[in-house]
Amino acid sequence: MAALMALAGMAQTADLKMSHVRPQDTTIDKELRAFAADVEAATAGDVTIRIFPASALGDYTTVQERVSVGAIDMATQPAGAGADRRMQISSFPYLANTWDEARAIYGPDGPVRNVMAELYQAQDITMLAAYPVYFGGISLNTEAVHPGDPSQKNGIKVRVPGIKSFQLTGEALGYIPSPIPFSEAFTSIQTGVVDGVIGSGAEGYYASFRDVTKTYIPANTHFEVWYMIISNASLADLDAEDQEALKTAAAEFEAKRWTVAEEDQGTWEAKLADELGAEVVTLSDEQLKAMSDKIRAEVWPVVLEDVGAEWGQGILDQINK
């Protein structure tokens, strides 16, 4: 009887592996370690979470696939559209223009957040939280050319993620887009294969491209949001109380992030300028509107066809309401 009770106690403990894309000691790394400590305390040690930074468990697209089959327990990262093209809705260009709009769209009960939870669930993944990161921009290892005029071609070749929305956005803004995996992006800039990057923001460029960023253009290309996800199998292995404690900690983790994300973005833009000496281009409201208008007119219809026009338009209609 004592042996059976001991085995039962062991079965209730869980050591979960959590992947994320940034290097150790970056903002997300520190916040996830604090989250892990909160979960361990809330579950009285029943649930421990080991953090694996810098894509140590694989590229985020691979990690998402492995979370889906239960080979990795958890991750906090961008959505990978390889498994379902509809996940491009999360990085739809110029979907939000302000932080208030972003919270209404991606925050609790927002239309994009709700549909992303459904798309993850179809992959046997539960979304625990959304993690707002920043509005995206453009990093260049050269001087900007016509940075606020999307009607002009600038001849600058930039790395973009292998997602149609980013490729089309880069082209519409006057760049020559080149889809390159994130793991190869830094070397591609170093060796002159491309002259910059579209797909991240000030924090991401500081963390991963600081040595090849001479110019930063805060073009608000997209709103970057990552998702804290867990394999349904790993979640089911926890007892009801521990599941509830994990979900509560995740909700608190997200709520705190929404209070600091906007200020955090400004901090990283300042670091690019002050610590690295990069030129941070100032864009007027009129220039940002010109970019947004062009993307909405030229890129949105194409991306909508890629994700399913009727399905995507239904989400846009919810946002417009």
C-alpha atoms as a PDB file:
ATOM      1  CA  MET A   1       0.000   0.000   0.000  1.00  0.00           C
ATOM      2  CA  ALA A   2       2.805   2.413   0.876  1.00  0.00           C
ATOM      3  CA  ALA A   3       4.506   1.646  -2.435  1.00  0.00           C
ATOM      4  CA  LEU A   4       1.306   2.280  -4.390  1.00  0.00           C
ATOM      5  CA  MET A   5       0.772   5.600  -2.589  1.00  0.00           C
ATOM      6  CA  ALA A   6       4.339   6.626  -3.403  1.00  0.00           C
ATOM      7  CA  LEU A   7       3.834   5.781  -7.079  1.00  0.00           C
ATOM      8  CA  ALA A   8       0.587   7.770  -7.117  1.00  0.00           C
ATOM      9  CA  GLY A   9       2.393  10.780  -5.703  1.00  0.00           C
ATOM     10  CA  MET A  10       5.108  10.476  -8.352  1.00  0.00           C
ATOM     11  CA  ALA A  11       2.522  10.309 -11.131  1.00  0.00           C
ATOM     12  CA  GLN A  12       1.179  13.726 -10.167  1.00  0.00           C
ATOM     13  CA  THR A  13       4.505  15.504 -10.654  1.00  0.00           C
ATOM     14  CA  ALA A  14       5.558  16.875 -14.023  1.00  0.00           C
ATOM     15  CA  ASP A  15       8.800  18.255 -15.412  1.00  0.00           C
ATOM     16  CA  LEU A  16       7.830  20.245 -18.505  1.00  0.00           C
ATOM     17  CA  LYS A  17      10.179  21.543 -21.203  1.00  0.00           C
ATOM     18  CA  MET A  18       9.494  25.060 -22.520  1.00  0.00           C
ATOM     19  CA  SER A  19      11.123  26.370 -25.713  1.00  0.00           C
ATOM     20  CA  HIS A  20      11.490  29.990 -26.811  1.00  0.00           C
ATOM     21  CA  VAL A  21      13.322  31.801 -29.596  1.00  0.00           C
ATOM     22  CA  ARG A  22      15.428  34.429 -27.835  1.00  0.00           C
ATOM     23  CA  PRO A  23      18.887  34.081 -26.237  1.00  0.00           C
ATOM     24  CA  GLN A  24      19.319  33.510 -22.531  1.00  0.00           C
ATOM     25  CA  ASP A  25      18.845  36.559 -20.273  1.00  0.00           C
ATOM     26  CA  THR A  26      16.715  38.461 -22.795  1.00  0.00           C
ATOM     27  CA  THR A  27      13.378  39.903 -21.680  1.00  0.00           C
ATOM     28  CA  ILE A  28      11.257  36.881 -22.611  1.00  0.00           C
ATOM     29  CA  ASP A  29      13.783  34.503 -21.065  1.00  0.00           C
ATOM     30  CA  LYS A  30      13.658  36.317 -17.736  1.00  0.00           C
ATOM     31  CA  GLU A  31       9.863  36.596 -17.805  1.00  0.00           C
ATOM     32  CA  LEU A  32       9.428  32.900 -18.578  1.00  0.00           C
ATOM     33  CA  ARG A  33      11.764  31.916 -15.743  1.00  0.00           C
ATOM     34  CA  ALA A  34       9.667  34.053 -13.390  1.00  0.00           C
ATOM     35  CA  PHE A  35       6.547  32.362 -14.783  1.00  0.00           C
ATOM     36  CA  ALA A  36       8.088  28.939 -14.178  1.00  0.00           C
ATOM     37  CA  ALA A  37       8.852  29.889 -10.575  1.00  0.00           C
ATOM     38  CA  ASP A  38       5.256  31.060 -10.098  1.00  0.00           C
ATOM     39  CA  VAL A  39       3.901  27.767 -11.441  1.00  0.00           C
ATOM     40  CA  GLU A  40       6.182  25.713  -9.235  1.00  0.00           C
ATOM     41  CA  ALA A  41       5.088  27.709  -6.185  1.00  0.00           C
ATOM     42  CA  ALA A  42       1.389  27.560  -7.092  1.00  0.00           C
ATOM     43  CA  THR A  43       1.518  23.775  -7.558  1.00  0.00           C
ATOM     44  CA  ALA A  44       3.618  23.161  -4.438  1.00  0.00           C
ATOM     45  CA  GLY A  45       6.364  21.706  -6.613  1.00  0.00           C
ATOM     46  CA  ASP A  46       4.085  19.375  -8.568  1.00  0.00           C
ATOM     47  CA  VAL A  47       4.875  21.154 -11.852  1.00  0.00           C
ATOM     48  CA  THR A  48       8.339  22.359 -12.795  1.00  0.00           C
ATOM     49  CA  ILE A  49       9.137  24.045 -16.104  1.00  0.00           C
ATOM     50  CA  ARG A  50      12.608  23.962 -17.617  1.00  0.00           C
ATOM     51  CA  ILE A  51      13.328  26.832 -20.020  1.00  0.00           C
ATOM     52  CA  PHE A  52      15.246  26.174 -23.245  1.00  0.00           C
ATOM     53  CA  PRO A  53      16.197  29.521 -24.865  1.00  0.00           C
ATOM     54  CA  ALA A  54      17.611  30.387 -28.284  1.00  0.00           C
ATOM     55  CA  SER A  55      15.635  27.712 -30.155  1.00  0.00           C
ATOM     56  CA  ALA A  56      17.727  25.041 -28.455  1.00  0.00           C
ATOM     57  CA  LEU A  57      14.962  22.498 -29.103  1.00  0.00           C
ATOM     58  CA  GLY A  58      14.614  23.468 -32.767  1.00  0.00           C
ATOM     59  CA  ASP A  59      13.313  26.214 -35.052  1.00  0.00           C
ATOM     60  CA  TYR A  60       9.925  27.505 -33.922  1.00  0.00           C
ATOM     61  CA  THR A  61       8.116  25.803 -36.799  1.00  0.00           C
ATOM     62  CA  THR A  62       9.677  22.468 -35.851  1.00  0.00           C
ATOM     63  CA  VAL A  63       8.939  23.072 -32.182  1.00  0.00           C
ATOM     64  CA  GLN A  64       5.275  23.708 -32.940  1.00  0.00           C
ATOM     65  CA  GLU A  65       5.084  20.384 -34.780  1.00  0.00           C
ATOM     66  CA  ARG A  66       6.761  18.621 -31.858  1.00  0.00           C
ATOM     67  CA  VAL A  67       4.414  20.244 -29.330  1.00  0.00           C
ATOM     68  CA  SER A  68       1.531  19.014 -31.467  1.00  0.00           C
ATOM     69  CA  VAL A  69       2.634  15.389 -31.088  1.00  0.00           C
ATOM     70  CA  GLY A  70       3.716  15.749 -27.459  1.00  0.00           C
ATOM     71  CA  ALA A  71       7.471  15.452 -28.098  1.00  0.00           C
ATOM     72  CA  ILE A  72       7.969  18.909 -26.533  1.00  0.00           C
ATOM     73  CA  ASP A  73       5.688  20.054 -23.728  1.00  0.00           C
ATOM     74  CA  MET A  74       5.506  23.824 -24.108  1.00  0.00           C
ATOM     75  CA  ALA A  75       6.710  26.820 -26.092  1.00  0.00           C
ATOM     76  CA  THR A  76       6.334  30.590 -26.194  1.00  0.00           C
ATOM     77  CA  GLN A  77       6.969  31.695 -29.761  1.00  0.00           C
ATOM     78  CA  PRO A  78       5.484  32.994 -33.019  1.00  0.00           C
ATOM     79  CA  ALA A  79       2.831  30.903 -34.706  1.00  0.00           C
ATOM     80  CA  GLY A  80       4.167  28.670 -37.450  1.00  0.00           C
ATOM     81  CA  ALA A  81       1.960  28.855 -40.536  1.00  0.00           C
ATOM     82  CA  GLY A  82       3.448  25.707 -42.070  1.00  0.00           C
ATOM     83  CA  ALA A  83       0.947  23.485 -40.311  1.00  0.00           C
ATOM     84  CA  ASP A  84      -2.013  25.708 -41.210  1.00  0.00           C
ATOM     85  CA  ARG A  85      -1.778  28.686 -43.562  1.00  0.00           C
ATOM     86  CA  ARG A  86      -4.644  30.354 -41.727  1.00  0.00           C
ATOM     87  CA  MET A  87      -2.226  31.077 -38.892  1.00  0.00           C
ATOM     88  CA  GLN A  88      -0.928  33.917 -41.065  1.00  0.00           C
ATOM     89  CA  ILE A  89      -3.839  35.901 -39.665  1.00  0.00           C
ATOM     90  CA  SER A  90      -1.735  36.437 -36.529  1.00  0.00           C
ATOM     91  CA  SER A  91       0.917  38.384 -38.462  1.00  0.00           C
ATOM     92  CA  PHE A  92      -1.439  40.079 -40.923  1.00  0.00           C
ATOM     93  CA  PRO A  93       0.369  43.291 -41.945  1.00  0.00           C
ATOM     94  CA  TYR A  94      -0.961  46.590 -40.620  1.00  0.00           C
ATOM     95  CA  LEU A  95      -3.884  44.882 -38.913  1.00  0.00           C
ATOM     96  CA  ALA A  96      -3.431  47.106 -35.853  1.00  0.00           C
ATOM     97  CA  ASN A  97      -2.117  50.661 -35.867  1.00  0.00           C
ATOM     98  CA  THR A  98      -2.044  51.468 -32.129  1.00  0.00           C
ATOM     99  CA  TRP A  99      -1.471  49.584 -28.908  1.00  0.00           C
ATOM    100  CA  ASP A 100      -5.118  49.976 -27.938  1.00  0.00           C
ATOM    101  CA  GLU A 101      -6.156  48.409 -31.230  1.00  0.00           C
ATOM    102  CA  ALA A 102      -3.620  45.624 -30.751  1.00  0.00           C
ATOM    103  CA  ARG A 103      -4.989  44.733 -27.332  1.00  0.00           C
ATOM    104  CA  ALA A 104      -8.558  44.665 -28.661  1.00  0.00           C
ATOM    105  CA  ILE A 105      -7.497  42.340 -31.495  1.00  0.00           C
ATOM    106  CA  TYR A 106      -4.935  40.074 -29.817  1.00  0.00           C
ATOM    107  CA  GLY A 107      -5.757  40.429 -26.121  1.00  0.00           C
ATOM    108  CA  PRO A 108      -8.308  38.493 -24.037  1.00  0.00           C
ATOM    109  CA  ASP A 109     -11.378  37.646 -26.132  1.00  0.00           C
ATOM    110  CA  GLY A 110      -9.940  39.461 -29.154  1.00  0.00           C
ATOM    111  CA  PRO A 111     -10.994  38.059 -32.550  1.00  0.00           C
ATOM    112  CA  VAL A 112      -7.507  37.019 -33.655  1.00  0.00           C
ATOM    113  CA  ARG A 113      -6.660  35.560 -30.272  1.00  0.00           C
ATOM    114  CA  ASN A 114      -9.863  33.490 -30.254  1.00  0.00           C
ATOM    115  CA  VAL A 115      -9.363  32.098 -33.745  1.00  0.00           C
ATOM    116  CA  MET A 116      -5.695  31.311 -33.045  1.00  0.00           C
ATOM    117  CA  ALA A 117      -6.759  29.285 -30.006  1.00  0.00           C
ATOM    118  CA  GLU A 118      -9.081  27.300 -32.282  1.00  0.00           C
ATOM    119  CA  LEU A 119      -6.352  26.727 -34.876  1.00  0.00           C
ATOM    120  CA  TYR A 120      -3.916  25.528 -32.209  1.00  0.00           C
ATOM    121  CA  GLN A 121      -6.543  23.238 -30.718  1.00  0.00           C
ATOM    122  CA  ALA A 122      -6.979  21.576 -34.116  1.00  0.00           C
ATOM    123  CA  GLN A 123      -3.283  20.650 -33.825  1.00  0.00           C
ATOM    124  CA  ASP A 124      -3.756  19.122 -30.346  1.00  0.00           C
ATOM    125  CA  ILE A 125      -2.268  22.225 -28.742  1.00  0.00           C
ATOM    126  CA  THR A 126      -3.766  24.441 -26.044  1.00  0.00           C
ATOM    127  CA  MET A 127      -2.984  28.156 -26.094  1.00  0.00           C
ATOM    128  CA  LEU A 128      -2.364  29.350 -22.549  1.00  0.00           C
ATOM    129  CA  ALA A 129      -1.550  33.011 -23.211  1.00  0.00           C
ATOM    130  CA  ALA A 130      -0.782  35.620 -25.838  1.00  0.00           C
ATOM    131  CA  TYR A 131       2.488  37.523 -25.414  1.00  0.00           C
ATOM    132  CA  PRO A 132       2.549  40.974 -27.061  1.00  0.00           C
ATOM    133  CA  VAL A 133       6.061  41.801 -28.210  1.00  0.00           C
ATOM    134  CA  TYR A 134       6.152  44.937 -30.397  1.00  0.00           C
ATOM    135  CA  PHE A 135       5.152  46.579 -33.625  1.00  0.00           C
ATOM    136  CA  GLY A 136       7.508  45.340 -36.316  1.00  0.00           C
ATOM    137  CA  GLY A 137      10.068  47.365 -38.215  1.00  0.00           C
ATOM    138  CA  ILE A 138      12.887  47.062 -40.718  1.00  0.00           C
ATOM    139  CA  SER A 139      16.560  46.556 -39.850  1.00  0.00           C
ATOM    140  CA  LEU A 140      19.193  47.448 -42.434  1.00  0.00           C
ATOM    141  CA  ASN A 141      22.947  46.982 -42.590  1.00  0.00           C
ATOM    142  CA  THR A 142      23.056  50.020 -44.852  1.00  0.00           C
ATOM    143  CA  GLU A 143      21.476  53.442 -45.127  1.00  0.00           C
ATOM    144  CA  ALA A 144      17.749  53.690 -45.768  1.00  0.00           C
ATOM    145  CA  VAL A 145      16.489  54.670 -49.201  1.00  0.00           C
ATOM    146  CA  HIS A 146      13.057  56.300 -49.459  1.00  0.00           C
ATOM    147  CA  PRO A 147      12.131  54.832 -46.014  1.00  0.00           C
ATOM    148  CA  GLY A 148       8.792  56.638 -45.795  1.00  0.00           C
ATOM    149  CA  ASP A 149       7.718  56.402 -49.414  1.00  0.00           C
ATOM    150  CA  PRO A 150       6.261  53.006 -50.363  1.00  0.00           C
ATOM    151  CA  SER A 151       5.722  54.150 -53.936  1.00  0.00           C
ATOM    152  CA  GLN A 152       9.474  54.031 -54.595  1.00  0.00           C
ATOM    153  CA  LYS A 153      11.641  50.967 -55.228  1.00  0.00           C
ATOM    154  CA  ASN A 154      14.783  51.146 -53.126  1.00  0.00           C
ATOM    155  CA  GLY A 155      16.797  48.210 -54.496  1.00  0.00           C
ATOM    156  CA  ILE A 156      17.558  46.855 -51.011  1.00  0.00           C
ATOM    157  CA  LYS A 157      17.360  43.077 -50.585  1.00  0.00           C
ATOM    158  CA  VAL A 158      15.973  41.950 -47.230  1.00  0.00           C
ATOM    159  CA  ARG A 159      15.413  38.647 -45.487  1.00  0.00           C
ATOM    160  CA  VAL A 160      11.774  37.883 -44.763  1.00  0.00           C
ATOM    161  CA  PRO A 161      10.210  34.869 -43.038  1.00  0.00           C
ATOM    162  CA  GLY A 162       8.856  32.151 -45.312  1.00  0.00           C
ATOM    163  CA  ILE A 163       5.334  33.505 -44.873  1.00  0.00           C
ATOM    164  CA  LYS A 164       3.508  35.040 -47.827  1.00  0.00           C
ATOM    165  CA  SER A 165       2.275  38.079 -45.907  1.00  0.00           C
ATOM    166  CA  PHE A 166       5.845  39.155 -45.050  1.00  0.00           C
ATOM    167  CA  GLN A 167       7.106  38.527 -48.581  1.00  0.00           C
ATOM    168  CA  LEU A 168       4.339  40.617 -50.121  1.00  0.00           C
ATOM    169  CA  THR A 169       4.744  43.363 -47.510  1.00  0.00           C
ATOM    170  CA  GLY A 170       8.463  43.666 -48.202  1.00  0.00           C
ATOM    171  CA  GLU A 171       7.842  43.970 -51.937  1.00  0.00           C
ATOM    172  CA  ALA A 172       4.997  46.480 -51.524  1.00  0.00           C
ATOM    173  CA  LEU A 173       7.215  48.700 -49.360  1.00  0.00           C
ATOM    174  CA  GLY A 174       9.843  48.826 -52.111  1.00  0.00           C
ATOM    175  CA  TYR A 175      12.254  46.095 -51.014  1.00  0.00           C
ATOM    176  CA  ILE A 176      13.448  42.912 -52.686  1.00  0.00           C
ATOM    177  CA  PRO A 177      12.259  40.141 -50.333  1.00  0.00           C
ATOM    178  CA  SER A 178      14.256  36.953 -49.904  1.00  0.00           C
ATOM    179  CA  PRO A 179      12.697  34.157 -47.781  1.00  0.00           C
ATOM    180  CA  ILE A 180      15.482  32.837 -45.537  1.00  0.00           C
ATOM    181  CA  PRO A 181      15.163  30.719 -42.356  1.00  0.00           C
ATOM    182  CA  PHE A 182      15.734  32.696 -39.166  1.00  0.00           C
ATOM    183  CA  SER A 183      18.724  30.508 -38.284  1.00  0.00           C
ATOM    184  CA  GLU A 184      20.505  31.624 -41.469  1.00  0.00           C
ATOM    185  CA  ALA A 185      19.475  35.282 -41.442  1.00  0.00           C
ATOM    186  CA  PHE A 186      22.418  36.759 -39.507  1.00  0.00           C
ATOM    187  CA  THR A 187      25.019  35.030 -41.665  1.00  0.00           C
ATOM    188  CA  SER A 188      23.146  36.093 -44.799  1.00  0.00           C
ATOM    189  CA  ILE A 189      23.459  39.743 -43.767  1.00  0.00           C
ATOM    190  CA  GLN A 190      27.076  39.332 -42.672  1.00  0.00           C
ATOM    191  CA  THR A 191      28.053  37.873 -46.034  1.00  0.00           C
ATOM    192  CA  GLY A 192      26.036  40.368 -48.061  1.00  0.00           C
ATOM    193  CA  VAL A 193      23.449  37.935 -49.387  1.00  0.00           C
ATOM    194  CA  VAL A 194      20.864  40.406 -48.089  1.00  0.00           C
ATOM    195  CA  ASP A 195      21.175  43.904 -46.677  1.00  0.00           C
ATOM    196  CA  GLY A 196      18.585  43.735 -43.930  1.00  0.00           C
ATOM    197  CA  VAL A 197      15.627  42.047 -42.292  1.00  0.00           C
ATOM    198  CA  ILE A 198      11.859  42.418 -42.222  1.00  0.00           C
ATOM    199  CA  GLY A 199       9.866  40.354 -39.754  1.00  0.00           C
ATOM    200  CA  SER A 200      11.039  41.462 -36.330  1.00  0.00           C
ATOM    201  CA  GLY A 201      11.134  44.636 -34.230  1.00  0.00           C
ATOM    202  CA  ALA A 202      13.596  46.684 -32.196  1.00  0.00           C
ATOM    203  CA  GLU A 203      13.955  44.107 -29.396  1.00  0.00           C
ATOM    204  CA  GLY A 204      14.439  41.256 -31.845  1.00  0.00           C
ATOM    205  CA  TYR A 205      17.012  43.130 -33.884  1.00  0.00           C
ATOM    206  CA  TYR A 206      18.914  44.124 -30.763  1.00  0.00           C
ATOM    207  CA  ALA A 207      18.867  40.543 -29.479  1.00  0.00           C
ATOM    208  CA  SER A 208      19.798  38.766 -32.703  1.00  0.00           C
ATOM    209  CA  PHE A 209      21.086  41.307 -35.255  1.00  0.00           C
ATOM    210  CA  ARG A 210      22.796  43.998 -33.208  1.00  0.00           C
ATOM    211  CA  ASP A 211      26.114  43.658 -35.065  1.00  0.00           C
ATOM    212  CA  VAL A 212      24.514  44.106 -38.488  1.00  0.00           C
ATOM    213  CA  THR A 213      21.983  46.866 -37.762  1.00  0.00           C
ATOM    214  CA  LYS A 214      23.021  50.298 -38.961  1.00  0.00           C
ATOM    215  CA  THR A 215      19.526  51.635 -39.620  1.00  0.00           C
ATOM    216  CA  TYR A 216      16.192  50.875 -37.987  1.00  0.00           C
ATOM    217  CA  ILE A 217      12.894  51.916 -39.553  1.00  0.00           C
ATOM    218  CA  PRO A 218       9.916  51.662 -37.125  1.00  0.00           C
ATOM    219  CA  ALA A 219       7.468  51.040 -39.971  1.00  0.00           C
ATOM    220  CA  ASN A 220       4.829  49.212 -37.861  1.00  0.00           C
ATOM    221  CA  THR A 221       4.823  46.442 -40.486  1.00  0.00           C
ATOM    222  CA  HIS A 222       2.858  44.057 -38.262  1.00  0.00           C
ATOM    223  CA  PHE A 223       2.031  43.497 -34.635  1.00  0.00           C
ATOM    224  CA  GLU A 224       4.269  40.786 -33.244  1.00  0.00           C
ATOM    225  CA  VAL A 225       2.535  38.512 -30.779  1.00  0.00           C
ATOM    226  CA  TRP A 226       3.822  35.176 -29.535  1.00  0.00           C
ATOM    227  CA  TYR A 227       1.745  32.448 -27.969  1.00  0.00           C
ATOM    228  CA  MET A 228       2.384  30.339 -24.906  1.00  0.00           C
ATOM    229  CA  ILE A 229       1.286  26.862 -25.946  1.00  0.00           C
ATOM    230  CA  ILE A 230       1.226  23.422 -24.360  1.00  0.00           C
ATOM    231  CA  SER A 231       0.707  19.995 -25.817  1.00  0.00           C
ATOM    232  CA  ASN A 232      -2.764  18.663 -25.041  1.00  0.00           C
ATOM    233  CA  ALA A 233      -1.123  15.422 -23.941  1.00  0.00           C
ATOM    234  CA  SER A 234       1.157  17.224 -21.480  1.00  0.00           C
ATOM    235  CA  LEU A 235      -1.740  19.267 -20.125  1.00  0.00           C
ATOM    236  CA  ALA A 236      -3.890  16.155 -19.695  1.00  0.00           C
ATOM    237  CA  ASP A 237      -1.132  14.536 -17.634  1.00  0.00           C
ATOM    238  CA  LEU A 238      -1.607  17.193 -14.947  1.00  0.00           C
ATOM    239  CA  ASP A 239      -4.335  16.814 -12.362  1.00  0.00           C
ATOM    240  CA  ALA A 240      -7.214  19.300 -12.366  1.00  0.00           C
ATOM    241  CA  GLU A 241      -5.762  21.530  -9.642  1.00  0.00           C
ATOM    242  CA  ASP A 242      -2.383  21.792 -11.340  1.00  0.00           C
ATOM    243  CA  GLN A 243      -4.015  22.527 -14.697  1.00  0.00           C
ATOM    244  CA  GLU A 244      -5.962  25.363 -13.129  1.00  0.00           C
ATOM    245  CA  ALA A 245      -2.840  26.735 -11.409  1.00  0.00           C
ATOM    246  CA  LEU A 246      -0.938  26.651 -14.701  1.00  0.00           C
ATOM    247  CA  LYS A 247      -3.714  28.466 -16.582  1.00  0.00           C
ATOM    248  CA  THR A 248      -4.033  31.090 -13.837  1.00  0.00           C
ATOM    249  CA  ALA A 249      -0.291  31.755 -13.858  1.00  0.00           C
ATOM    250  CA  ALA A 250      -0.372  32.059 -17.663  1.00  0.00           C
ATOM    251  CA  ALA A 251      -3.223  34.591 -17.517  1.00  0.00           C
ATOM    252  CA  GLU A 252      -1.286  36.665 -14.968  1.00  0.00           C
ATOM    253  CA  PHE A 253       1.851  36.388 -17.119  1.00  0.00           C
ATOM    254  CA  GLU A 254      -0.050  37.813 -20.096  1.00  0.00           C
ATOM    255  CA  ALA A 255      -1.824  40.553 -18.135  1.00  0.00           C
ATOM    256  CA  LYS A 256       1.482  41.837 -16.776  1.00  0.00           C
ATOM    257  CA  ARG A 257       3.042  41.840 -20.232  1.00  0.00           C
ATOM    258  CA  TRP A 258       0.300  44.055 -21.690  1.00  0.00           C
ATOM    259  CA  THR A 259       1.135  46.702 -19.071  1.00  0.00           C
ATOM    260  CA  VAL A 260       4.821  46.977 -20.049  1.00  0.00           C
ATOM    261  CA  ALA A 261       5.056  45.997 -23.736  1.00  0.00           C
ATOM    262  CA  GLU A 262       4.604  49.475 -25.237  1.00  0.00           C
ATOM    263  CA  GLU A 263       7.190  51.051 -22.957  1.00  0.00           C
ATOM    264  CA  ASP A 264       9.478  48.088 -23.617  1.00  0.00           C
ATOM    265  CA  GLN A 265       9.343  48.757 -27.359  1.00  0.00           C
ATOM    266  CA  GLY A 266      10.520  52.336 -26.843  1.00  0.00           C
ATOM    267  CA  THR A 267      13.333  51.137 -24.609  1.00  0.00           C
ATOM    268  CA  TRP A 268      14.701  48.816 -27.293  1.00  0.00           C
ATOM    269  CA  GLU A 269      14.462  51.457 -30.010  1.00  0.00           C
ATOM    270  CA  ALA A 270      16.501  53.768 -27.771  1.00  0.00           C
ATOM    271  CA  LYS A 271      19.081  51.035 -27.203  1.00  0.00           C
ATOM    272  CA  LEU A 272      19.545  50.568 -30.933  1.00  0.00           C
ATOM    273  CA  ALA A 273      20.355  54.261 -31.211  1.00  0.00           C
ATOM    274  CA  ASP A 274      22.248  54.912 -27.979  1.00  0.00           C
ATOM    275  CA  GLU A 275      24.208  51.677 -27.546  1.00  0.00           C
ATOM    276  CA  LEU A 276      24.740  50.598 -31.141  1.00  0.00           C
ATOM    277  CA  GLY A 277      24.774  53.981 -32.831  1.00  0.00           C
ATOM    278  CA  ALA A 278      22.135  52.876 -35.318  1.00  0.00           C
ATOM    279  CA  GLU A 279      20.065  55.527 -37.044  1.00  0.00           C
ATOM    280  CA  VAL A 280      16.425  55.204 -35.978  1.00  0.00           C
ATOM    281  CA  VAL A 281      14.413  56.782 -38.783  1.00  0.00           C
ATOM    282  CA  THR A 282      11.521  59.013 -37.764  1.00  0.00           C
ATOM    283  CA  LEU A 283       8.390  58.444 -39.813  1.00  0.00           C
ATOM    284  CA  SER A 284       5.453  60.840 -39.849  1.00  0.00           C
ATOM    285  CA  ASP A 285       1.854  59.774 -39.356  1.00  0.00           C
ATOM    286  CA  GLU A 286       1.275  60.525 -43.039  1.00  0.00           C
ATOM    287  CA  GLN A 287       4.117  58.219 -44.092  1.00  0.00           C
ATOM    288  CA  LEU A 288       2.869  55.413 -41.853  1.00  0.00           C
ATOM    289  CA  LYS A 289      -0.615  55.866 -43.264  1.00  0.00           C
ATOM    290  CA  ALA A 290       0.740  55.681 -46.820  1.00  0.00           C
ATOM    291  CA  MET A 291       2.408  52.371 -45.975  1.00  0.00           C
ATOM    292  CA  SER A 292      -0.701  51.014 -44.302  1.00  0.00           C
ATOM    293  CA  ASP A 293      -2.979  52.099 -47.148  1.00  0.00           C
ATOM    294  CA  LYS A 294      -0.779  50.477 -49.778  1.00  0.00           C
ATOM    295  CA  ILE A 295      -0.486  47.193 -47.865  1.00  0.00           C
ATOM    296  CA  ARG A 296      -4.223  47.023 -47.246  1.00  0.00           C
ATOM    297  CA  ALA A 297      -4.970  47.697 -50.906  1.00  0.00           C
ATOM    298  CA  GLU A 298      -2.346  45.432 -52.490  1.00  0.00           C
ATOM    299  CA  VAL A 299      -1.356  42.782 -49.946  1.00  0.00           C
ATOM    300  CA  TRP A 300      -4.517  42.058 -47.992  1.00  0.00           C
ATOM    301  CA  PRO A 301      -6.519  40.662 -50.949  1.00  0.00           C
ATOM    302  CA  VAL A 302      -3.712  38.247 -51.849  1.00  0.00           C
ATOM    303  CA  VAL A 303      -3.175  37.038 -48.283  1.00  0.00           C
ATOM    304  CA  LEU A 304      -6.923  36.653 -47.827  1.00  0.00           C
ATOM    305  CA  GLU A 305      -7.005  34.301 -50.807  1.00  0.00           C
ATOM    306  CA  ASP A 306      -4.120  32.340 -49.282  1.00  0.00           C
ATOM    307  CA  VAL A 307      -5.840  31.862 -45.917  1.00  0.00           C
ATOM    308  CA  GLY A 308      -9.331  31.513 -47.375  1.00  0.00           C
ATOM    309  CA  ALA A 309     -11.091  34.695 -48.442  1.00  0.00           C
ATOM    310  CA  GLU A 310     -14.418  34.051 -46.730  1.00  0.00           C
ATOM    311  CA  TRP A 311     -12.801  32.814 -43.513  1.00  0.00           C
ATOM    312  CA  GLY A 312     -10.297  35.689 -43.343  1.00  0.00           C
ATOM    313  CA  GLN A 313     -12.824  38.358 -44.248  1.00  0.00           C
ATOM    314  CA  GLY A 314     -15.058  37.144 -41.436  1.00  0.00           C
ATOM    315  CA  ILE A 315     -12.273  37.889 -38.952  1.00  0.00           C
ATOM    316  CA  LEU A 316     -11.574  41.283 -40.489  1.00  0.00           C
ATOM    317  CA  ASP A 317     -15.276  42.090 -40.211  1.00  0.00           C
ATOM    318  CA  GLN A 318     -15.169  41.258 -36.488  1.00  0.00           C
ATOM    319  CA  ILE A 319     -12.198  43.597 -36.085  1.00  0.00           C
ATOM    320  CA  ASN A 320     -13.907  46.401 -37.994  1.00  0.00           C
ATOM    321  CA  LYS A 321     -16.898  46.156 -35.654  1.00  0.00           C
END
